[in-house]
Amino acid sequence: MTHRRASQGALRGLLALREFRGMWIASTVSTAGDSLATVALSLLVFSRTQSPAWTAAVYAMTMLPTLVSGPMLAWLADRYPRRAVMVICAWLQALLVTLMAIPQMPLAVMIVLLVMVQMIASPFLAAQEATLPSALPPERYNDGVALFGSSVDVAQMAGLASAGFIVTALSPQAALAIDAATFVLVAILVQVSVQRRPAADPLARASKRGETGRTRPKRNALHLIFSTPRLRSVLGLRLLAGFAMVPAGLAVPLSVQLGAPWSSGLILALEPATNVVGVALLYRLVRDDRQRDRLIGPLAVLSLVPLIGFATDPNLVWTVALLTIAGLAGAFHTPARAAWGRVMPDAYRGRAHGIARTALRASQGGGMAIGGTVAQALGSITLTIAGAGAVGALLAIRAASSWSRANNEVSADVTL
C-alpha cells in the first residue's frame, strides 16, 4: 500500500510539471498517430501494388532514415533553441504527412515524403530528449524518463493494435490525416508548455557573437562518449538489445516450428508488453536512483540468459515463459537511459542522442538480420536464439562489470 501511494504521488507530481506534461502528452499522442499511419501506409501501398516486397520496403522506410539522419541532423538540437527545433520539426512533419494524405498521390512521391518525415524526426527527438533534464527536477528525472518511455511503448502497441480497425472503418488517407493532426497538436503543445531556453552549445553562441580569444578545444560528441567510462559502458549495455531482438526477427518461423503459426503476433508483442510491466515493477519496488543504477548490469545479463534455454527446443508455453523473463529484465534500458541523460553535459545532449539512437537502431536491425542469416545457415531457429543469448550474456557480463566499476569511481564524472 505504501508503494502504491508513493507511485501515485510520483505520477501526480510529474504531471503537475507543465513542461513535462506538455511533452509527455505530445509524445504519447504522436506515437499512437505514427503507429496508425504506418499500418495505413502499408495497406495503401499493398492495395496499389499487390506486392509484398514493396510493402515491406515502405515499412522499412519508417526506420531506415534514422540511421542517416541521427548523426547528420541531431546537432540542430544543440546549436539552436530546443523548443524552436521541436516546434519547427512538428509543423514540417504535419505539412509533409498532409501531402501524403492527398488522394491518388503518386507512390514514389509518398515514399520521398515518408523519408523526409522520418529524417525530420531525428532533430525533434534529440531536442525532446535533451530538454527532459531541464524540464524535470533532478530528483524526478528518473521517474520522468520511466513514465515517458513506458507511455510511448503503450501508445505504440495501442496504435498498432487498433490501426487495422480504424483504417478499415475510414480509409488510409483518413488515417494519414489523423497522423498529420497529431503533429499539429505536438507543435501547439510544445509551443505553449515548454520554456524557451537559449541554444545549449556555448561555443556556437560565442562564435555568433564574434568573440575572440583562446577557448578550450572542443570535443565532439563521439569522442566524449568513448572517452568517458560511464557513458561508454552504459551505451555498451544498451547496444546488447541487438542480441535480445533475435527472437523477434525469427518470430514467424519460430511460431511455425512450434506448430502454432498464430503465436507469431504474441511473440512479437511480448517484448514491448513485458518491458512496460518490468519498468513499472522496477520503479515501484526500487525507489532509490542509486540502487536502480546498481541493478542495470545484473538486469542486462538477465535479459539475455533466458534465451540460452532455447537450446532445449522449448514448447510454446516455455517459449513464452523464457521471453517473458527476458522482457521483464529488459526494463534495465529505462534507468540506463536516465543515467545517460544525467551524465551527458547539456551542450552535447542533442548530438549524443542522435548517435545513441542510430547505434541502437543499427544494433536492433543488425541483430535481427544476422539472426536470420545464422538460422538459415544452421538450419535451426532455436539454436540460433540460444547462441545469441549465450554470446550476448557473455558480453553483458563484461559490460556490466565496466558499468559497475565506472559508476563507483568519482573520477569518471564528465569534466569539460
Protein backbone atom coordinates (compact mmCIF):
# COMPACT_ATOMS: atom_id res chain seq x y z
CA MET A 1 0.00 0.00 0.00
CA THR A 2 2.89 2.34 0.80
CA HIS A 3 4.48 1.60 -2.60
CA ARG A 4 1.18 2.32 -4.34
CA ARG A 5 0.72 5.68 -2.59
CA ALA A 6 4.32 6.60 -3.38
CA SER A 7 3.87 5.69 -7.06
CA GLN A 8 0.62 7.66 -7.31
CA GLY A 9 2.26 10.63 -5.63
CA ALA A 10 5.21 10.46 -8.02
CA LEU A 11 2.86 10.33 -11.02
CA ARG A 12 0.82 13.30 -9.80
CA GLY A 13 4.00 15.21 -9.12
CA LEU A 14 5.28 14.59 -12.64
CA LEU A 15 2.04 15.56 -14.34
CA ALA A 16 1.92 18.74 -12.27
CA LEU A 17 5.03 19.94 -14.10
CA ARG A 18 3.82 22.00 -17.05
CA GLU A 19 6.77 21.37 -19.36
CA PHE A 20 6.93 17.65 -18.75
CA ARG A 21 3.16 17.27 -19.04
CA GLY A 22 3.09 19.03 -22.41
CA MET A 23 5.93 16.96 -23.88
CA TRP A 24 4.51 13.74 -22.41
CA ILE A 25 1.06 14.26 -23.94
CA ALA A 26 2.60 15.33 -27.26
CA SER A 27 4.91 12.32 -27.43
CA THR A 28 2.20 9.82 -26.49
CA VAL A 29 -0.36 11.16 -28.97
CA SER A 30 2.21 11.46 -31.76
CA THR A 31 3.45 7.90 -31.23
CA ALA A 32 -0.08 6.50 -31.47
CA GLY A 33 -0.65 8.55 -34.63
CA ASP A 34 2.60 7.34 -36.20
CA SER A 35 1.69 3.72 -35.48
CA LEU A 36 -1.69 4.25 -37.12
CA ALA A 37 -0.05 5.89 -40.13
CA THR A 38 2.50 3.07 -40.50
CA VAL A 39 -0.25 0.46 -40.86
CA ALA A 40 -2.32 2.74 -43.10
CA LEU A 41 0.61 3.37 -45.42
CA SER A 42 1.46 -0.33 -45.61
CA LEU A 43 -2.15 -1.18 -46.52
CA LEU A 44 -2.27 1.63 -49.06
CA VAL A 45 0.94 0.50 -50.77
CA PHE A 46 -0.20 -3.13 -50.87
CA SER A 47 -3.61 -2.20 -52.29
CA ARG A 48 -1.94 -0.27 -55.12
CA THR A 49 0.92 -2.64 -55.93
CA GLN A 50 -0.23 -6.06 -54.63
CA SER A 51 3.49 -6.51 -53.91
CA PRO A 52 4.72 -7.84 -50.55
CA ALA A 53 8.22 -6.63 -51.46
CA TRP A 54 7.07 -3.04 -51.99
CA THR A 55 5.00 -3.17 -48.82
CA ALA A 56 7.96 -4.43 -46.77
CA ALA A 57 10.26 -1.83 -48.35
CA VAL A 58 7.94 1.02 -47.45
CA TYR A 59 7.61 -0.32 -43.90
CA ALA A 60 11.41 -0.40 -43.66
CA MET A 61 11.44 3.24 -44.72
CA THR A 62 9.79 4.11 -41.42
CA MET A 63 13.01 3.00 -39.68
CA LEU A 64 15.99 3.19 -42.04
CA PRO A 65 16.28 7.00 -42.47
CA THR A 66 17.11 7.24 -38.76
CA LEU A 67 20.45 5.58 -39.44
CA VAL A 68 21.42 8.57 -41.57
CA SER A 69 19.55 11.45 -40.00
CA GLY A 70 20.57 10.67 -36.42
CA PRO A 71 24.24 11.65 -36.78
CA MET A 72 23.56 14.19 -39.56
CA LEU A 73 20.76 16.29 -38.06
CA ALA A 74 20.74 15.80 -34.28
CA TRP A 75 23.31 18.61 -33.88
CA LEU A 76 20.48 21.08 -34.58
CA ALA A 77 19.16 20.33 -31.07
CA ASP A 78 22.38 21.74 -29.58
CA ARG A 79 23.04 24.58 -31.99
CA TYR A 80 19.56 26.18 -31.85
CA PRO A 81 16.96 26.69 -29.08
CA ARG A 82 15.40 23.28 -28.50
CA ARG A 83 11.82 24.45 -28.24
CA ALA A 84 12.14 26.11 -31.64
CA VAL A 85 13.65 22.94 -33.12
CA MET A 86 10.75 20.82 -31.83
CA VAL A 87 8.06 23.25 -32.99
CA ILE A 88 9.50 23.74 -36.49
CA CYS A 89 10.05 20.00 -36.96
CA ALA A 90 6.47 19.21 -35.85
CA TRP A 91 4.98 21.74 -38.28
CA LEU A 92 7.12 20.41 -41.13
CA GLN A 93 6.05 16.85 -40.37
CA ALA A 94 2.40 17.93 -40.25
CA LEU A 95 2.75 19.51 -43.69
CA LEU A 96 4.51 16.50 -45.22
CA VAL A 97 2.04 13.96 -43.83
CA THR A 98 -0.86 16.14 -45.04
CA LEU A 99 0.60 15.95 -48.54
CA MET A 100 0.85 12.17 -48.18
CA ALA A 101 -2.85 12.06 -47.31
CA ILE A 102 -3.90 13.64 -50.62
CA PRO A 103 -5.89 11.02 -52.60
CA GLN A 104 -4.08 9.44 -55.57
CA MET A 105 -0.73 10.88 -54.51
CA PRO A 106 1.89 9.02 -56.64
CA LEU A 107 3.57 6.22 -54.71
CA ALA A 108 7.09 7.44 -55.48
CA VAL A 109 6.24 10.89 -54.10
CA MET A 110 4.74 9.32 -50.96
CA ILE A 111 7.95 7.38 -50.33
CA VAL A 112 10.04 10.54 -50.68
CA LEU A 113 7.73 12.38 -48.29
CA LEU A 114 7.92 9.47 -45.84
CA VAL A 115 11.72 9.56 -45.85
CA MET A 116 11.63 13.31 -45.21
CA VAL A 117 9.20 12.86 -42.28
CA GLN A 118 11.49 10.27 -40.71
CA MET A 119 14.59 12.40 -41.28
CA ILE A 120 12.97 15.38 -39.56
CA ALA A 121 12.07 13.18 -36.59
CA SER A 122 15.74 12.93 -35.57
CA PRO A 123 16.33 16.57 -34.56
CA PHE A 124 12.88 16.65 -32.94
CA LEU A 125 13.59 13.59 -30.78
CA ALA A 126 17.10 14.83 -29.98
CA ALA A 127 15.71 18.18 -28.81
CA GLN A 128 12.96 16.44 -26.81
CA GLU A 129 15.37 14.07 -25.07
CA ALA A 130 17.82 16.89 -24.37
CA THR A 131 15.06 19.06 -22.87
CA LEU A 132 13.86 16.45 -20.35
CA PRO A 133 16.71 17.01 -17.84
CA SER A 134 15.94 20.75 -17.86
CA ALA A 135 12.18 20.24 -17.59
CA LEU A 136 12.42 17.90 -14.59
CA PRO A 137 13.92 18.44 -11.13
CA PRO A 138 16.92 16.12 -10.58
CA GLU A 139 15.01 14.03 -8.04
CA ARG A 140 12.17 13.48 -10.56
CA TYR A 141 14.28 12.82 -13.63
CA ASN A 142 14.45 9.01 -13.38
CA ASP A 143 10.69 8.72 -12.78
CA GLY A 144 10.02 11.09 -15.67
CA VAL A 145 12.13 9.05 -18.09
CA ALA A 146 10.35 5.87 -16.96
CA LEU A 147 6.88 7.35 -17.50
CA PHE A 148 7.91 8.86 -20.82
CA GLY A 149 9.33 5.61 -22.19
CA SER A 150 6.54 3.36 -20.93
CA SER A 151 3.85 5.67 -22.29
CA VAL A 152 5.48 5.62 -25.71
CA ASP A 153 5.54 1.79 -25.67
CA VAL A 154 1.88 1.61 -24.66
CA ALA A 155 0.86 4.20 -27.27
CA GLN A 156 2.74 2.29 -29.95
CA MET A 157 1.08 -1.00 -29.04
CA ALA A 158 -2.36 0.63 -28.87
CA GLY A 159 -1.85 2.38 -32.19
CA LEU A 160 -0.74 -0.80 -33.96
CA ALA A 161 -3.48 -2.91 -32.36
CA SER A 162 -6.28 -0.52 -33.35
CA ALA A 163 -4.89 0.58 -36.70
CA GLY A 164 -6.44 -2.22 -38.74
CA PHE A 165 -9.93 -1.47 -37.44
CA ILE A 166 -9.57 2.29 -37.87
CA VAL A 167 -8.16 2.10 -41.39
CA THR A 168 -10.87 -0.37 -42.41
CA ALA A 169 -13.60 1.83 -40.96
CA LEU A 170 -12.21 5.02 -42.51
CA SER A 171 -9.51 4.92 -45.17
CA PRO A 172 -5.70 5.02 -45.35
CA GLN A 173 -5.87 8.70 -46.34
CA ALA A 174 -8.05 9.48 -43.32
CA ALA A 175 -5.58 7.70 -41.04
CA LEU A 176 -2.72 9.75 -42.50
CA ALA A 177 -4.77 12.91 -41.93
CA ILE A 178 -5.19 11.91 -38.29
CA ASP A 179 -1.42 11.48 -38.02
CA ALA A 180 -0.91 14.94 -39.53
CA ALA A 181 -3.30 16.35 -36.92
CA THR A 182 -1.23 14.80 -34.13
CA PHE A 183 1.83 16.70 -35.38
CA VAL A 184 -0.17 19.95 -35.28
CA LEU A 185 -1.14 19.13 -31.68
CA VAL A 186 2.51 18.41 -30.85
CA ALA A 187 3.64 21.77 -32.25
CA ILE A 188 0.99 23.65 -30.26
CA LEU A 189 1.64 21.76 -27.01
CA VAL A 190 5.39 22.30 -27.20
CA GLN A 191 4.95 25.98 -28.05
CA VAL A 192 2.66 26.72 -25.10
CA SER A 193 4.16 24.43 -22.47
CA VAL A 194 7.93 24.24 -22.98
CA GLN A 195 10.03 27.08 -21.65
CA ARG A 196 12.19 28.91 -24.16
CA ARG A 197 15.89 28.42 -23.44
CA PRO A 198 18.93 29.59 -25.36
CA ALA A 199 20.90 27.20 -27.53
CA ALA A 200 22.89 24.77 -25.42
CA ASP A 201 26.14 24.79 -27.41
CA PRO A 202 28.23 27.51 -25.74
CA LEU A 203 30.97 27.62 -28.38
CA ALA A 204 28.43 28.11 -31.16
CA ARG A 205 26.97 31.07 -29.27
CA ALA A 206 30.41 32.55 -28.71
CA SER A 207 31.26 32.36 -32.40
CA LYS A 208 27.95 34.02 -33.32
CA ARG A 209 28.76 36.96 -31.03
CA GLY A 210 32.10 37.31 -32.76
CA GLU A 211 34.02 36.72 -29.59
CA THR A 212 37.74 36.21 -29.96
CA GLY A 213 40.30 34.90 -27.64
CA ARG A 214 41.51 31.48 -26.74
CA THR A 215 38.98 28.82 -25.84
CA ARG A 216 39.43 25.28 -24.73
CA PRO A 217 39.46 22.79 -27.64
CA LYS A 218 36.02 21.34 -28.09
CA ARG A 219 35.47 17.58 -28.08
CA ASN A 220 32.93 16.15 -30.46
CA ALA A 221 30.10 14.06 -29.05
CA LEU A 222 31.50 10.74 -30.27
CA HIS A 223 34.86 11.39 -28.62
CA LEU A 224 33.12 12.45 -25.41
CA ILE A 225 31.11 9.22 -25.31
CA PHE A 226 34.07 6.90 -25.84
CA SER A 227 36.44 8.81 -23.57
CA THR A 228 34.00 8.80 -20.63
CA PRO A 229 33.79 5.38 -18.92
CA ARG A 230 30.24 5.84 -17.62
CA LEU A 231 28.89 6.92 -21.00
CA ARG A 232 30.84 4.27 -22.88
CA SER A 233 29.76 1.43 -20.60
CA VAL A 234 26.07 2.39 -20.44
CA LEU A 235 25.95 2.68 -24.24
CA GLY A 236 27.53 -0.77 -24.48
CA LEU A 237 24.84 -2.18 -22.21
CA ARG A 238 22.06 -0.66 -24.30
CA LEU A 239 23.51 -2.00 -27.56
CA LEU A 240 23.00 -5.52 -26.22
CA ALA A 241 19.45 -5.04 -27.49
CA GLY A 242 20.74 -6.42 -30.79
CA PHE A 243 21.01 -9.88 -29.23
CA ALA A 244 17.69 -9.55 -27.40
CA MET A 245 15.87 -8.76 -30.67
CA VAL A 246 16.88 -12.04 -32.39
CA PRO A 247 13.69 -13.87 -31.25
CA ALA A 248 11.55 -11.05 -32.68
CA GLY A 249 13.33 -11.32 -36.03
CA LEU A 250 12.62 -15.07 -36.07
CA ALA A 251 9.08 -14.85 -34.64
CA VAL A 252 7.28 -16.14 -37.73
CA PRO A 253 9.45 -19.23 -38.43
CA LEU A 254 9.66 -19.90 -34.68
CA SER A 255 5.87 -19.92 -34.37
CA VAL A 256 5.62 -22.32 -37.33
CA GLN A 257 8.21 -24.61 -35.78
CA LEU A 258 6.19 -24.58 -32.55
CA GLY A 259 3.16 -25.73 -34.51
CA ALA A 260 1.28 -22.51 -33.68
CA PRO A 261 1.58 -20.01 -36.55
CA TRP A 262 -0.95 -17.78 -34.80
CA SER A 263 1.56 -17.19 -31.98
CA SER A 264 3.89 -15.03 -34.10
CA GLY A 265 1.96 -11.92 -33.05
CA LEU A 266 2.14 -12.99 -29.43
CA ILE A 267 5.91 -13.48 -29.65
CA LEU A 268 6.33 -10.05 -31.22
CA ALA A 269 4.12 -8.38 -28.59
CA LEU A 270 5.90 -9.94 -25.62
CA GLU A 271 8.98 -7.71 -25.77
CA PRO A 272 7.24 -4.29 -25.56
CA ALA A 273 4.49 -5.56 -23.24
CA THR A 274 6.83 -7.18 -20.72
CA ASN A 275 9.13 -4.17 -20.88
CA VAL A 276 6.30 -1.88 -19.76
CA VAL A 277 5.47 -4.24 -16.89
CA GLY A 278 9.14 -4.60 -15.97
CA VAL A 279 9.66 -0.85 -15.79
CA ALA A 280 6.56 -0.45 -13.63
CA LEU A 281 7.76 -3.14 -11.22
CA LEU A 282 11.32 -1.84 -11.09
CA TYR A 283 10.30 1.73 -10.33
CA ARG A 284 7.65 0.67 -7.83
CA LEU A 285 9.84 -1.77 -5.89
CA VAL A 286 13.11 0.17 -6.08
CA ARG A 287 12.64 3.84 -5.29
CA ASP A 288 16.29 4.83 -4.87
CA ASP A 289 18.00 6.01 -8.07
CA ARG A 290 21.41 4.75 -6.97
CA GLN A 291 20.04 1.30 -6.24
CA ARG A 292 18.42 1.18 -9.68
CA ASP A 293 21.73 2.18 -11.23
CA ARG A 294 23.37 -0.77 -9.47
CA LEU A 295 20.73 -3.10 -10.94
CA ILE A 296 21.35 -2.03 -14.55
CA GLY A 297 24.18 -4.51 -15.07
CA PRO A 298 22.58 -7.59 -13.45
CA LEU A 299 19.30 -6.96 -15.26
CA ALA A 300 21.13 -6.60 -18.58
CA VAL A 301 22.67 -10.03 -18.06
CA LEU A 302 19.30 -11.48 -17.02
CA SER A 303 17.68 -10.09 -20.18
CA LEU A 304 19.82 -12.46 -22.25
CA VAL A 305 20.44 -15.55 -20.11
CA PRO A 306 16.87 -16.95 -20.60
CA LEU A 307 17.47 -17.11 -24.36
CA ILE A 308 20.05 -19.84 -23.75
CA GLY A 309 17.11 -22.02 -22.69
CA PHE A 310 16.05 -22.24 -26.35
CA ALA A 311 18.80 -24.84 -26.77
CA THR A 312 16.31 -27.29 -25.20
CA ASP A 313 13.74 -26.77 -28.01
CA PRO A 314 11.04 -25.43 -25.65
CA ASN A 315 7.34 -25.77 -26.40
CA LEU A 316 5.09 -22.72 -26.74
CA VAL A 317 4.46 -22.38 -23.01
CA TRP A 318 8.15 -22.43 -22.15
CA THR A 319 8.94 -20.15 -25.08
CA VAL A 320 6.54 -17.55 -23.70
CA ALA A 321 7.97 -18.03 -20.19
CA LEU A 322 11.58 -17.56 -21.34
CA LEU A 323 10.75 -14.49 -23.42
CA THR A 324 8.69 -13.03 -20.57
CA ILE A 325 11.60 -13.27 -18.12
CA ALA A 326 13.97 -11.76 -20.68
CA GLY A 327 11.48 -8.97 -21.47
CA LEU A 328 10.91 -8.09 -17.83
CA ALA A 329 14.66 -7.82 -17.25
CA GLY A 330 14.89 -5.63 -20.35
CA ALA A 331 13.49 -2.88 -18.15
CA PHE A 332 17.14 -2.03 -17.44
CA HIS A 333 17.11 0.15 -20.57
CA THR A 334 15.00 2.77 -18.77
CA PRO A 335 17.36 3.50 -15.84
CA ALA A 336 20.26 3.19 -18.30
CA ARG A 337 18.67 5.88 -20.46
CA ALA A 338 18.19 8.06 -17.38
CA ALA A 339 21.81 7.54 -16.31
CA TRP A 340 22.94 8.56 -19.79
CA GLY A 341 20.93 11.79 -19.55
CA ARG A 342 22.30 12.63 -16.11
CA VAL A 343 25.94 12.13 -17.08
CA MET A 344 25.83 13.79 -20.51
CA PRO A 345 26.68 17.53 -20.44
CA ASP A 346 23.82 19.71 -21.69
CA ALA A 347 25.78 21.13 -24.61
CA TYR A 348 26.22 17.64 -26.11
CA ARG A 349 22.84 16.04 -25.39
CA GLY A 350 21.29 16.53 -28.82
CA ARG A 351 24.21 15.15 -30.81
CA ALA A 352 24.79 12.34 -28.33
CA HIS A 353 21.14 11.32 -28.56
CA GLY A 354 21.41 11.16 -32.35
CA ILE A 355 24.48 8.95 -32.14
CA ALA A 356 23.00 6.66 -29.48
CA ARG A 357 19.64 6.31 -31.24
CA THR A 358 21.32 5.47 -34.52
CA ALA A 359 23.58 2.92 -32.84
CA LEU A 360 20.62 1.34 -31.04
CA ARG A 361 18.54 1.07 -34.21
CA ALA A 362 21.51 -0.39 -36.10
CA SER A 363 22.07 -2.89 -33.30
CA GLN A 364 18.43 -3.98 -33.26
CA GLY A 365 18.10 -4.24 -37.03
CA GLY A 366 21.50 -5.86 -37.40
CA GLY A 367 20.73 -8.38 -34.69
CA MET A 368 17.54 -9.47 -36.43
CA ALA A 369 19.20 -9.62 -39.86
CA ILE A 370 22.23 -11.57 -38.65
CA GLY A 371 19.98 -13.87 -36.62
CA GLY A 372 18.03 -14.72 -39.75
CA THR A 373 21.22 -15.41 -41.71
CA VAL A 374 22.65 -17.64 -38.98
CA ALA A 375 19.36 -19.53 -38.62
CA GLN A 376 19.37 -20.18 -42.35
CA ALA A 377 22.96 -21.44 -42.24
CA LEU A 378 22.49 -23.61 -39.13
CA GLY A 379 19.06 -24.86 -40.11
CA SER A 380 17.94 -24.35 -36.51
CA ILE A 381 15.95 -21.42 -35.17
CA THR A 382 16.17 -22.40 -31.51
CA LEU A 383 19.96 -22.92 -31.60
CA THR A 384 20.35 -19.51 -33.21
CA ILE A 385 18.37 -17.86 -30.42
CA ALA A 386 20.30 -19.83 -27.79
CA GLY A 387 23.59 -18.78 -29.37
CA ALA A 388 22.53 -15.14 -29.38
CA GLY A 389 21.65 -15.46 -25.70
CA ALA A 390 24.99 -17.06 -24.83
CA VAL A 391 27.17 -14.58 -26.73
CA GLY A 392 25.03 -11.65 -25.55
CA ALA A 393 25.19 -12.79 -21.92
CA LEU A 394 28.99 -13.02 -22.01
CA LEU A 395 29.23 -9.52 -23.47
CA ALA A 396 26.67 -8.32 -20.93
CA ILE A 397 28.76 -9.61 -18.05
CA ARG A 398 31.75 -7.66 -19.31
CA ALA A 399 29.71 -4.50 -19.96
CA ALA A 400 28.03 -4.78 -16.56
CA SER A 401 31.42 -5.04 -14.88
CA SER A 402 32.64 -1.94 -16.72
CA TRP A 403 29.49 -0.04 -15.77
CA SER A 404 29.78 -1.03 -12.10
CA ARG A 405 33.41 -0.01 -11.98
CA ALA A 406 32.84 3.30 -13.76
CA ASN A 407 29.75 4.10 -11.74
CA ASN A 408 31.66 3.70 -8.49
CA GLU A 409 34.54 5.94 -9.49
CA VAL A 410 34.00 9.61 -8.80
CA SER A 411 36.85 10.42 -11.16
CA ALA A 412 34.78 9.03 -14.05
CA ASP A 413 32.41 12.05 -13.95
CA VAL A 414 32.44 14.16 -17.10
CA THR A 415 34.61 17.29 -16.90
CA LEU A 416 34.77 19.85 -19.64
